[in-house]
Amino acid sequence: MKPKICLFVLTGIICLLACLYTSKVEDSQTFTRPASTFTSLTLDTRNGAITATANTDTLASVKVTRYAYGRNKTDATNQLNGITITDTVSAGNWSLTANFPAVTKPMGALMAADVPANTRLNILTSNGDVTVSGIAAPISVATSNGDVILTGTSGDAEISTSNAKVIVQVHSGGIDINTSNGEIDCDLSFLPATSGAELATSNGKVTLRLPPDVSAYITATTSNGTVVITGYQVHYDENTQKHIKARIGSGASPITITTSNGDIVIQNRVR
């Protein structure tokens, strides 16, 4: 099934459910832990947006907002009570998981975390945006049908989504982005020689901004678009409208970019 047809079918299902279940209930609960008791955080919700923000407090917190729909308030409340939250710490990893009953009625759980900047993040969700700000540790995000936005982050990052865009606003470190039917806009303030960048999408433009002193070997390919590098002295091994292999500086960091039905623009972030 083609992506546009899939989205059309999904939209129709959502509209049908919205007509059947018009009553919504929700509640919120905040989970806290001393920042000294964990080094990584796993947030797992099958359906809902997740945000993670760095703080300087000695106490970390995650606010979980459960919501559910029903034919009436009683029906919706019964569905809400079926959503449970598992809260555990093991081997330095704080894990919060939303568990859902096997029903087709719309429900979900939103998560908003405030944690130390050096917390490693592992985020899993769908049908909701993921926003991460100020984290200076490895980040892993797996979602679908939701945008991913990183702001002021550092450390290696791995992002996977679909039918959505990925926006990276000033990241320092290696990065791996995979999406479909969405654009990628990535601004890297620093790319270590020991790390690389891999950006892949379909039906979307890819823009990669690099620091002026970057040293990288770039392989970039599009099916229906153009590939352009601006703001650098470049040595090309291959240079066509749709495919390039090029070196900037000594070529220390590998960069691979692929898309279809979209342009690829690689540029100096200070110009």
C-alpha atoms as a PDB file:
ATOM      1  CA  MET A   1       0.000   0.000   0.000  1.00  0.00           C
ATOM      2  CA  LYS A   2       1.377   3.393  -0.983  1.00  0.00           C
ATOM      3  CA  PRO A   3       2.137   5.945   1.789  1.00  0.00           C
ATOM      4  CA  LYS A   4      -0.603   8.400   0.723  1.00  0.00           C
ATOM      5  CA  ILE A   5      -3.200   5.612   0.686  1.00  0.00           C
ATOM      6  CA  CYS A   6      -2.040   4.433   4.124  1.00  0.00           C
ATOM      7  CA  LEU A   7      -2.405   7.949   5.518  1.00  0.00           C
ATOM      8  CA  PHE A   8      -5.849   8.282   3.962  1.00  0.00           C
ATOM      9  CA  VAL A   9      -6.995   5.017   5.542  1.00  0.00           C
ATOM     10  CA  LEU A  10      -5.498   6.018   8.914  1.00  0.00           C
ATOM     11  CA  THR A  11      -7.260   9.381   8.786  1.00  0.00           C
ATOM     12  CA  GLY A  12     -10.541   7.672   8.032  1.00  0.00           C
ATOM     13  CA  ILE A  13     -10.139   5.319  10.993  1.00  0.00           C
ATOM     14  CA  ILE A  14      -9.350   8.223  13.330  1.00  0.00           C
ATOM     15  CA  CYS A  15     -12.427  10.141  12.128  1.00  0.00           C
ATOM     16  CA  LEU A  16     -14.620   7.065  12.639  1.00  0.00           C
ATOM     17  CA  LEU A  17     -13.318   6.551  16.186  1.00  0.00           C
ATOM     18  CA  ALA A  18     -13.807  10.248  16.965  1.00  0.00           C
ATOM     19  CA  CYS A  19     -17.462   9.952  15.957  1.00  0.00           C
ATOM     20  CA  LEU A  20     -18.004   6.823  18.059  1.00  0.00           C
ATOM     21  CA  TYR A  21     -16.156   7.963  21.188  1.00  0.00           C
ATOM     22  CA  THR A  22     -16.897  11.587  22.009  1.00  0.00           C
ATOM     23  CA  SER A  23     -16.231  11.666  25.766  1.00  0.00           C
ATOM     24  CA  LYS A  24     -12.665  12.190  26.997  1.00  0.00           C
ATOM     25  CA  VAL A  25     -11.175  11.892  30.473  1.00  0.00           C
ATOM     26  CA  GLU A  26      -7.573  12.357  31.595  1.00  0.00           C
ATOM     27  CA  ASP A  27      -5.425  12.536  34.692  1.00  0.00           C
ATOM     28  CA  SER A  28      -1.807  13.337  35.540  1.00  0.00           C
ATOM     29  CA  GLN A  29       0.732  11.823  37.898  1.00  0.00           C
ATOM     30  CA  THR A  30       4.301  12.960  38.544  1.00  0.00           C
ATOM     31  CA  PHE A  31       7.036  10.421  39.275  1.00  0.00           C
ATOM     32  CA  THR A  32      10.221  11.639  40.972  1.00  0.00           C
ATOM     33  CA  ARG A  33      13.654  10.233  41.704  1.00  0.00           C
ATOM     34  CA  PRO A  34      16.830  11.726  43.197  1.00  0.00           C
ATOM     35  CA  ALA A  35      19.094  12.588  40.286  1.00  0.00           C
ATOM     36  CA  SER A  36      21.912  10.627  41.918  1.00  0.00           C
ATOM     37  CA  THR A  37      20.008   7.317  41.675  1.00  0.00           C
ATOM     38  CA  PHE A  38      20.136   6.855  37.876  1.00  0.00           C
ATOM     39  CA  THR A  39      22.281   7.630  34.831  1.00  0.00           C
ATOM     40  CA  SER A  40      19.842   6.758  32.047  1.00  0.00           C
ATOM     41  CA  LEU A  41      16.107   7.124  31.477  1.00  0.00           C
ATOM     42  CA  THR A  42      13.764   4.991  29.372  1.00  0.00           C
ATOM     43  CA  LEU A  43      10.384   6.459  28.453  1.00  0.00           C
ATOM     44  CA  ASP A  44       8.028   4.034  26.711  1.00  0.00           C
ATOM     45  CA  THR A  45       4.457   4.828  25.710  1.00  0.00           C
ATOM     46  CA  ARG A  46       2.612   3.187  22.848  1.00  0.00           C
ATOM     47  CA  ASN A  47       0.655   6.291  21.966  1.00  0.00           C
ATOM     48  CA  GLY A  48       1.546   9.860  22.908  1.00  0.00           C
ATOM     49  CA  ALA A  49       4.013  12.719  22.789  1.00  0.00           C
ATOM     50  CA  ILE A  50       7.195  12.736  24.860  1.00  0.00           C
ATOM     51  CA  THR A  51       9.316  15.689  25.938  1.00  0.00           C
ATOM     52  CA  ALA A  52      12.623  15.620  27.812  1.00  0.00           C
ATOM     53  CA  THR A  53      14.284  18.755  29.151  1.00  0.00           C
ATOM     54  CA  ALA A  54      17.577  19.171  30.991  1.00  0.00           C
ATOM     55  CA  ASN A  55      17.560  20.745  34.443  1.00  0.00           C
ATOM     56  CA  THR A  56      20.029  21.427  37.253  1.00  0.00           C
ATOM     57  CA  ASP A  57      17.882  20.178  40.136  1.00  0.00           C
ATOM     58  CA  THR A  58      18.859  17.357  42.466  1.00  0.00           C
ATOM     59  CA  LEU A  59      15.406  15.834  41.943  1.00  0.00           C
ATOM     60  CA  ALA A  60      14.322  14.509  38.544  1.00  0.00           C
ATOM     61  CA  SER A  61      10.698  14.193  37.536  1.00  0.00           C
ATOM     62  CA  VAL A  62       8.477  12.711  34.841  1.00  0.00           C
ATOM     63  CA  LYS A  63       4.881  13.873  34.491  1.00  0.00           C
ATOM     64  CA  VAL A  64       2.631  11.267  32.894  1.00  0.00           C
ATOM     65  CA  THR A  65      -0.749  12.353  31.568  1.00  0.00           C
ATOM     66  CA  ARG A  66      -3.081   9.471  30.748  1.00  0.00           C
ATOM     67  CA  TYR A  67      -6.110  10.032  28.528  1.00  0.00           C
ATOM     68  CA  ALA A  68      -8.904   7.886  27.140  1.00  0.00           C
ATOM     69  CA  TYR A  69     -12.086   8.244  25.101  1.00  0.00           C
ATOM     70  CA  GLY A  70     -15.422   6.484  25.462  1.00  0.00           C
ATOM     71  CA  ARG A  71     -19.055   6.659  24.483  1.00  0.00           C
ATOM     72  CA  ASN A  72     -19.700   8.520  27.723  1.00  0.00           C
ATOM     73  CA  LYS A  73     -17.755   9.618  30.806  1.00  0.00           C
ATOM     74  CA  THR A  74     -18.189   6.293  32.609  1.00  0.00           C
ATOM     75  CA  ASP A  75     -17.015   4.349  29.582  1.00  0.00           C
ATOM     76  CA  ALA A  76     -14.011   6.668  29.139  1.00  0.00           C
ATOM     77  CA  THR A  77     -13.101   6.398  32.837  1.00  0.00           C
ATOM     78  CA  ASN A  78     -13.169   2.603  32.622  1.00  0.00           C
ATOM     79  CA  GLN A  79     -10.773   2.778  29.684  1.00  0.00           C
ATOM     80  CA  LEU A  80      -8.504   5.207  31.533  1.00  0.00           C
ATOM     81  CA  ASN A  81      -8.275   2.859  34.511  1.00  0.00           C
ATOM     82  CA  GLY A  82      -6.928   0.190  32.171  1.00  0.00           C
ATOM     83  CA  ILE A  83      -3.784   2.236  31.504  1.00  0.00           C
ATOM     84  CA  THR A  84      -1.096   1.420  34.061  1.00  0.00           C
ATOM     85  CA  ILE A  85       2.373   2.897  34.542  1.00  0.00           C
ATOM     86  CA  THR A  86       5.370   0.750  35.449  1.00  0.00           C
ATOM     87  CA  ASP A  87       8.053   2.664  37.383  1.00  0.00           C
ATOM     88  CA  THR A  88      11.362   0.852  38.009  1.00  0.00           C
ATOM     89  CA  VAL A  89      15.089   1.455  38.476  1.00  0.00           C
ATOM     90  CA  SER A  90      17.579  -1.251  37.541  1.00  0.00           C
ATOM     91  CA  ALA A  91      21.347  -1.044  36.973  1.00  0.00           C
ATOM     92  CA  GLY A  92      21.215   2.745  36.903  1.00  0.00           C
ATOM     93  CA  ASN A  93      18.356   2.920  34.395  1.00  0.00           C
ATOM     94  CA  TRP A  94      15.101   4.593  35.425  1.00  0.00           C
ATOM     95  CA  SER A  95      12.276   3.166  33.321  1.00  0.00           C
ATOM     96  CA  LEU A  96       8.707   4.418  32.961  1.00  0.00           C
ATOM     97  CA  THR A  97       6.393   2.367  30.753  1.00  0.00           C
ATOM     98  CA  ALA A  98       2.749   2.979  29.889  1.00  0.00           C
ATOM     99  CA  ASN A  99       0.849  -0.302  29.609  1.00  0.00           C
ATOM    100  CA  PHE A 100      -2.365  -0.357  27.581  1.00  0.00           C
ATOM    101  CA  PRO A 101      -5.240  -2.865  27.486  1.00  0.00           C
ATOM    102  CA  ALA A 102      -5.945  -4.704  24.243  1.00  0.00           C
ATOM    103  CA  VAL A 103      -8.821  -2.505  23.057  1.00  0.00           C
ATOM    104  CA  THR A 104      -9.417  -0.416  19.963  1.00  0.00           C
ATOM    105  CA  LYS A 105     -10.779   2.661  21.719  1.00  0.00           C
ATOM    106  CA  PRO A 106      -8.506   5.721  21.468  1.00  0.00           C
ATOM    107  CA  MET A 107      -6.267   6.256  24.481  1.00  0.00           C
ATOM    108  CA  GLY A 108      -2.705   7.291  25.240  1.00  0.00           C
ATOM    109  CA  ALA A 109      -0.178   8.628  27.696  1.00  0.00           C
ATOM    110  CA  LEU A 110       1.922  11.775  27.365  1.00  0.00           C
ATOM    111  CA  MET A 111       5.269  11.986  29.163  1.00  0.00           C
ATOM    112  CA  ALA A 112       7.228  15.112  30.138  1.00  0.00           C
ATOM    113  CA  ALA A 113      10.625  14.594  31.794  1.00  0.00           C
ATOM    114  CA  ASP A 114      12.917  17.028  33.618  1.00  0.00           C
ATOM    115  CA  VAL A 115      16.256  15.321  34.209  1.00  0.00           C
ATOM    116  CA  PRO A 116      19.964  16.148  34.567  1.00  0.00           C
ATOM    117  CA  ALA A 117      21.680  17.097  31.311  1.00  0.00           C
ATOM    118  CA  ASN A 118      24.006  14.077  31.508  1.00  0.00           C
ATOM    119  CA  THR A 119      21.121  11.568  31.460  1.00  0.00           C
ATOM    120  CA  ARG A 120      21.200   9.030  28.630  1.00  0.00           C
ATOM    121  CA  LEU A 121      17.783   8.882  26.969  1.00  0.00           C
ATOM    122  CA  ASN A 122      15.923   5.983  25.395  1.00  0.00           C
ATOM    123  CA  ILE A 123      12.526   7.096  24.039  1.00  0.00           C
ATOM    124  CA  LEU A 124       9.901   4.844  22.441  1.00  0.00           C
ATOM    125  CA  THR A 125       6.443   5.957  21.302  1.00  0.00           C
ATOM    126  CA  SER A 126       4.161   6.480  18.308  1.00  0.00           C
ATOM    127  CA  ASN A 127       1.534   8.962  17.132  1.00  0.00           C
ATOM    128  CA  GLY A 128       3.155  11.791  19.040  1.00  0.00           C
ATOM    129  CA  ASP A 129       5.997  14.277  18.677  1.00  0.00           C
ATOM    130  CA  VAL A 130       9.254  13.832  20.554  1.00  0.00           C
ATOM    131  CA  THR A 131      11.071  16.945  21.784  1.00  0.00           C
ATOM    132  CA  VAL A 132      14.445  16.855  23.546  1.00  0.00           C
ATOM    133  CA  SER A 133      16.203  19.974  24.859  1.00  0.00           C
ATOM    134  CA  GLY A 134      19.588  20.496  26.489  1.00  0.00           C
ATOM    135  CA  ILE A 135      20.566  16.847  26.973  1.00  0.00           C
ATOM    136  CA  ALA A 136      24.340  16.276  26.826  1.00  0.00           C
ATOM    137  CA  ALA A 137      24.400  12.472  26.624  1.00  0.00           C
ATOM    138  CA  PRO A 138      23.543   9.763  24.068  1.00  0.00           C
ATOM    139  CA  ILE A 139      19.943   9.927  22.819  1.00  0.00           C
ATOM    140  CA  SER A 140      17.880   7.180  21.177  1.00  0.00           C
ATOM    141  CA  VAL A 141      14.419   7.933  19.786  1.00  0.00           C
ATOM    142  CA  ALA A 142      12.087   5.441  18.077  1.00  0.00           C
ATOM    143  CA  THR A 143       8.642   6.678  17.059  1.00  0.00           C
ATOM    144  CA  SER A 144       6.243   6.818  14.121  1.00  0.00           C
ATOM    145  CA  ASN A 145       3.743   9.352  12.851  1.00  0.00           C
ATOM    146  CA  GLY A 146       5.397  12.023  14.981  1.00  0.00           C
ATOM    147  CA  ASP A 147       8.001  14.741  14.449  1.00  0.00           C
ATOM    148  CA  VAL A 148      11.303  14.629  16.328  1.00  0.00           C
ATOM    149  CA  ILE A 149      12.953  17.876  17.452  1.00  0.00           C
ATOM    150  CA  LEU A 150      16.324  18.122  19.184  1.00  0.00           C
ATOM    151  CA  THR A 151      17.452  21.494  20.546  1.00  0.00           C
ATOM    152  CA  GLY A 152      20.848  22.262  22.095  1.00  0.00           C
ATOM    153  CA  THR A 153      21.836  18.607  22.487  1.00  0.00           C
ATOM    154  CA  SER A 154      25.195  16.815  22.449  1.00  0.00           C
ATOM    155  CA  GLY A 155      26.459  13.246  22.392  1.00  0.00           C
ATOM    156  CA  ASP A 156      25.665  10.575  19.806  1.00  0.00           C
ATOM    157  CA  ALA A 157      22.003  10.586  18.742  1.00  0.00           C
ATOM    158  CA  GLU A 158      19.952   7.943  16.946  1.00  0.00           C
ATOM    159  CA  ILE A 159      16.525   8.933  15.629  1.00  0.00           C
ATOM    160  CA  SER A 160      13.942   6.794  13.851  1.00  0.00           C
ATOM    161  CA  THR A 161      10.458   7.913  12.817  1.00  0.00           C
ATOM    162  CA  SER A 162       8.107   7.732   9.836  1.00  0.00           C
ATOM    163  CA  ASN A 163       5.623   9.978   8.099  1.00  0.00           C
ATOM    164  CA  ALA A 164       7.176  12.905   9.948  1.00  0.00           C
ATOM    165  CA  LYS A 165       9.991  15.426   9.835  1.00  0.00           C
ATOM    166  CA  VAL A 166      13.135  15.598  11.948  1.00  0.00           C
ATOM    167  CA  ILE A 167      14.494  18.975  13.070  1.00  0.00           C
ATOM    168  CA  VAL A 168      17.874  19.149  14.823  1.00  0.00           C
ATOM    169  CA  GLN A 169      18.676  22.636  16.096  1.00  0.00           C
ATOM    170  CA  VAL A 170      22.356  22.834  17.057  1.00  0.00           C
ATOM    171  CA  HIS A 171      23.599  19.375  18.003  1.00  0.00           C
ATOM    172  CA  SER A 172      27.180  18.470  18.893  1.00  0.00           C
ATOM    173  CA  GLY A 173      28.199  14.882  18.135  1.00  0.00           C
ATOM    174  CA  GLY A 174      27.483  12.024  15.769  1.00  0.00           C
ATOM    175  CA  ILE A 175      23.944  11.519  14.527  1.00  0.00           C
ATOM    176  CA  ASP A 176      21.862   8.872  12.731  1.00  0.00           C
ATOM    177  CA  ILE A 177      18.444   9.938  11.384  1.00  0.00           C
ATOM    178  CA  ASN A 178      15.989   7.714   9.555  1.00  0.00           C
ATOM    179  CA  THR A 179      12.496   8.793   8.512  1.00  0.00           C
ATOM    180  CA  SER A 180      10.068   8.598   5.602  1.00  0.00           C
ATOM    181  CA  ASN A 181       7.684  11.040   3.980  1.00  0.00           C
ATOM    182  CA  GLY A 182       9.283  13.905   5.865  1.00  0.00           C
ATOM    183  CA  GLU A 183      12.088  16.431   5.586  1.00  0.00           C
ATOM    184  CA  ILE A 184      15.286  16.454   7.626  1.00  0.00           C
ATOM    185  CA  ASP A 185      16.827  19.734   8.790  1.00  0.00           C
ATOM    186  CA  CYS A 186      19.984  19.137  10.812  1.00  0.00           C
ATOM    187  CA  ASP A 187      22.403  21.704  12.260  1.00  0.00           C
ATOM    188  CA  LEU A 188      25.633  20.253  13.649  1.00  0.00           C
ATOM    189  CA  SER A 189      27.857  22.609  15.645  1.00  0.00           C
ATOM    190  CA  PHE A 190      30.545  19.923  16.077  1.00  0.00           C
ATOM    191  CA  LEU A 191      31.180  16.569  14.426  1.00  0.00           C
ATOM    192  CA  PRO A 192      34.029  14.588  16.025  1.00  0.00           C
ATOM    193  CA  ALA A 193      36.495  12.759  13.811  1.00  0.00           C
ATOM    194  CA  THR A 194      35.520   9.554  15.620  1.00  0.00           C
ATOM    195  CA  SER A 195      31.808   9.993  14.776  1.00  0.00           C
ATOM    196  CA  GLY A 196      29.751  10.379  11.631  1.00  0.00           C
ATOM    197  CA  ALA A 197      26.355  11.435  10.348  1.00  0.00           C
ATOM    198  CA  GLU A 198      23.824   9.340   8.467  1.00  0.00           C
ATOM    199  CA  LEU A 199      20.611  10.984   7.257  1.00  0.00           C
ATOM    200  CA  ALA A 200      17.973   9.049   5.314  1.00  0.00           C
ATOM    201  CA  THR A 201      14.427   9.889   4.254  1.00  0.00           C
ATOM    202  CA  SER A 202      12.025   9.563   1.358  1.00  0.00           C
ATOM    203  CA  ASN A 203       9.795  12.183  -0.208  1.00  0.00           C
ATOM    204  CA  GLY A 204      11.574  14.950   1.645  1.00  0.00           C
ATOM    205  CA  LYS A 205      14.334  17.525   1.400  1.00  0.00           C
ATOM    206  CA  VAL A 206      17.491  17.097   3.470  1.00  0.00           C
ATOM    207  CA  THR A 207      19.396  20.120   4.771  1.00  0.00           C
ATOM    208  CA  LEU A 208      22.636  19.558   6.681  1.00  0.00           C
ATOM    209  CA  ARG A 209      24.554  22.439   8.239  1.00  0.00           C
ATOM    210  CA  LEU A 210      28.134  21.734   9.292  1.00  0.00           C
ATOM    211  CA  PRO A 211      30.754  23.670  11.278  1.00  0.00           C
ATOM    212  CA  PRO A 212      33.244  25.702   9.227  1.00  0.00           C
ATOM    213  CA  ASP A 213      36.203  23.560  10.335  1.00  0.00           C
ATOM    214  CA  VAL A 214      34.544  20.207   9.668  1.00  0.00           C
ATOM    215  CA  SER A 215      36.588  17.387   8.183  1.00  0.00           C
ATOM    216  CA  ALA A 216      34.301  14.935   6.419  1.00  0.00           C
ATOM    217  CA  TYR A 217      33.847  12.559   3.517  1.00  0.00           C
ATOM    218  CA  ILE A 218      30.344  12.968   2.104  1.00  0.00           C
ATOM    219  CA  THR A 219      28.309  10.514   0.054  1.00  0.00           C
ATOM    220  CA  ALA A 220      24.935  11.961  -0.955  1.00  0.00           C
ATOM    221  CA  THR A 221      22.281  10.528  -3.287  1.00  0.00           C
ATOM    222  CA  THR A 222      18.787  11.571  -4.353  1.00  0.00           C
ATOM    223  CA  SER A 223      16.429  10.025  -6.896  1.00  0.00           C
ATOM    224  CA  ASN A 224      14.496  13.129  -7.942  1.00  0.00           C
ATOM    225  CA  GLY A 225      16.309  16.290  -6.917  1.00  0.00           C
ATOM    226  CA  THR A 226      19.733  17.889  -6.786  1.00  0.00           C
ATOM    227  CA  VAL A 227      22.719  17.624  -4.443  1.00  0.00           C
ATOM    228  CA  VAL A 228      24.620  20.807  -3.545  1.00  0.00           C
ATOM    229  CA  ILE A 229      27.537  21.632  -1.190  1.00  0.00           C
ATOM    230  CA  THR A 230      28.111  25.316  -0.427  1.00  0.00           C
ATOM    231  CA  GLY A 231      30.538  27.301   1.720  1.00  0.00           C
ATOM    232  CA  TYR A 232      33.519  24.911   1.562  1.00  0.00           C
ATOM    233  CA  GLN A 233      36.511  24.048  -0.547  1.00  0.00           C
ATOM    234  CA  VAL A 234      35.533  20.623  -1.815  1.00  0.00           C
ATOM    235  CA  HIS A 235      37.420  17.794  -3.519  1.00  0.00           C
ATOM    236  CA  TYR A 236      34.974  15.743  -5.602  1.00  0.00           C
ATOM    237  CA  ASP A 237      35.500  12.089  -6.452  1.00  0.00           C
ATOM    238  CA  GLU A 238      32.065  11.964  -8.084  1.00  0.00           C
ATOM    239  CA  ASN A 239      29.868  14.943  -8.892  1.00  0.00           C
ATOM    240  CA  THR A 240      26.560  14.650 -10.726  1.00  0.00           C
ATOM    241  CA  GLN A 241      23.232  16.380 -10.209  1.00  0.00           C
ATOM    242  CA  LYS A 242      21.833  13.466  -8.176  1.00  0.00           C
ATOM    243  CA  HIS A 243      24.938  11.918  -6.602  1.00  0.00           C
ATOM    244  CA  ILE A 244      28.203  13.111  -5.108  1.00  0.00           C
ATOM    245  CA  LYS A 245      31.204  11.720  -3.318  1.00  0.00           C
ATOM    246  CA  ALA A 246      33.223  14.578  -1.877  1.00  0.00           C
ATOM    247  CA  ARG A 247      35.864  15.389   0.711  1.00  0.00           C
ATOM    248  CA  ILE A 248      36.030  18.439   2.942  1.00  0.00           C
ATOM    249  CA  GLY A 249      39.344  18.835   4.756  1.00  0.00           C
ATOM    250  CA  SER A 250      40.982  15.483   5.483  1.00  0.00           C
ATOM    251  CA  GLY A 251      37.660  13.624   5.248  1.00  0.00           C
ATOM    252  CA  ALA A 252      37.837  12.230   8.783  1.00  0.00           C
ATOM    253  CA  SER A 253      34.093  11.927   9.556  1.00  0.00           C
ATOM    254  CA  PRO A 254      31.865   9.842   7.273  1.00  0.00           C
ATOM    255  CA  ILE A 255      28.604  11.498   6.209  1.00  0.00           C
ATOM    256  CA  THR A 256      25.964   9.611   4.214  1.00  0.00           C
ATOM    257  CA  ILE A 257      22.744  11.229   2.982  1.00  0.00           C
ATOM    258  CA  THR A 258      19.994   9.567   0.954  1.00  0.00           C
ATOM    259  CA  THR A 259      16.527  10.699  -0.098  1.00  0.00           C
ATOM    260  CA  SER A 260      14.076  10.406  -2.937  1.00  0.00           C
ATOM    261  CA  ASN A 261      11.877  13.134  -4.365  1.00  0.00           C
ATOM    262  CA  GLY A 262      13.850  15.827  -2.587  1.00  0.00           C
ATOM    263  CA  ASP A 263      16.933  18.030  -2.780  1.00  0.00           C
ATOM    264  CA  ILE A 264      20.018  17.630  -0.603  1.00  0.00           C
ATOM    265  CA  VAL A 265      21.721  20.807   0.612  1.00  0.00           C
ATOM    266  CA  ILE A 266      24.972  20.680   2.604  1.00  0.00           C
ATOM    267  CA  GLN A 267      26.204  24.052   3.779  1.00  0.00           C
ATOM    268  CA  ASN A 268      28.484  25.916   6.146  1.00  0.00           C
ATOM    269  CA  ARG A 269      26.388  26.748   9.209  1.00  0.00           C
ATOM    270  CA  VAL A 270      28.010  30.186   9.697  1.00  0.00           C
ATOM    271  CA  ARG A 271      27.233  31.438   6.204  1.00  0.00           C
END
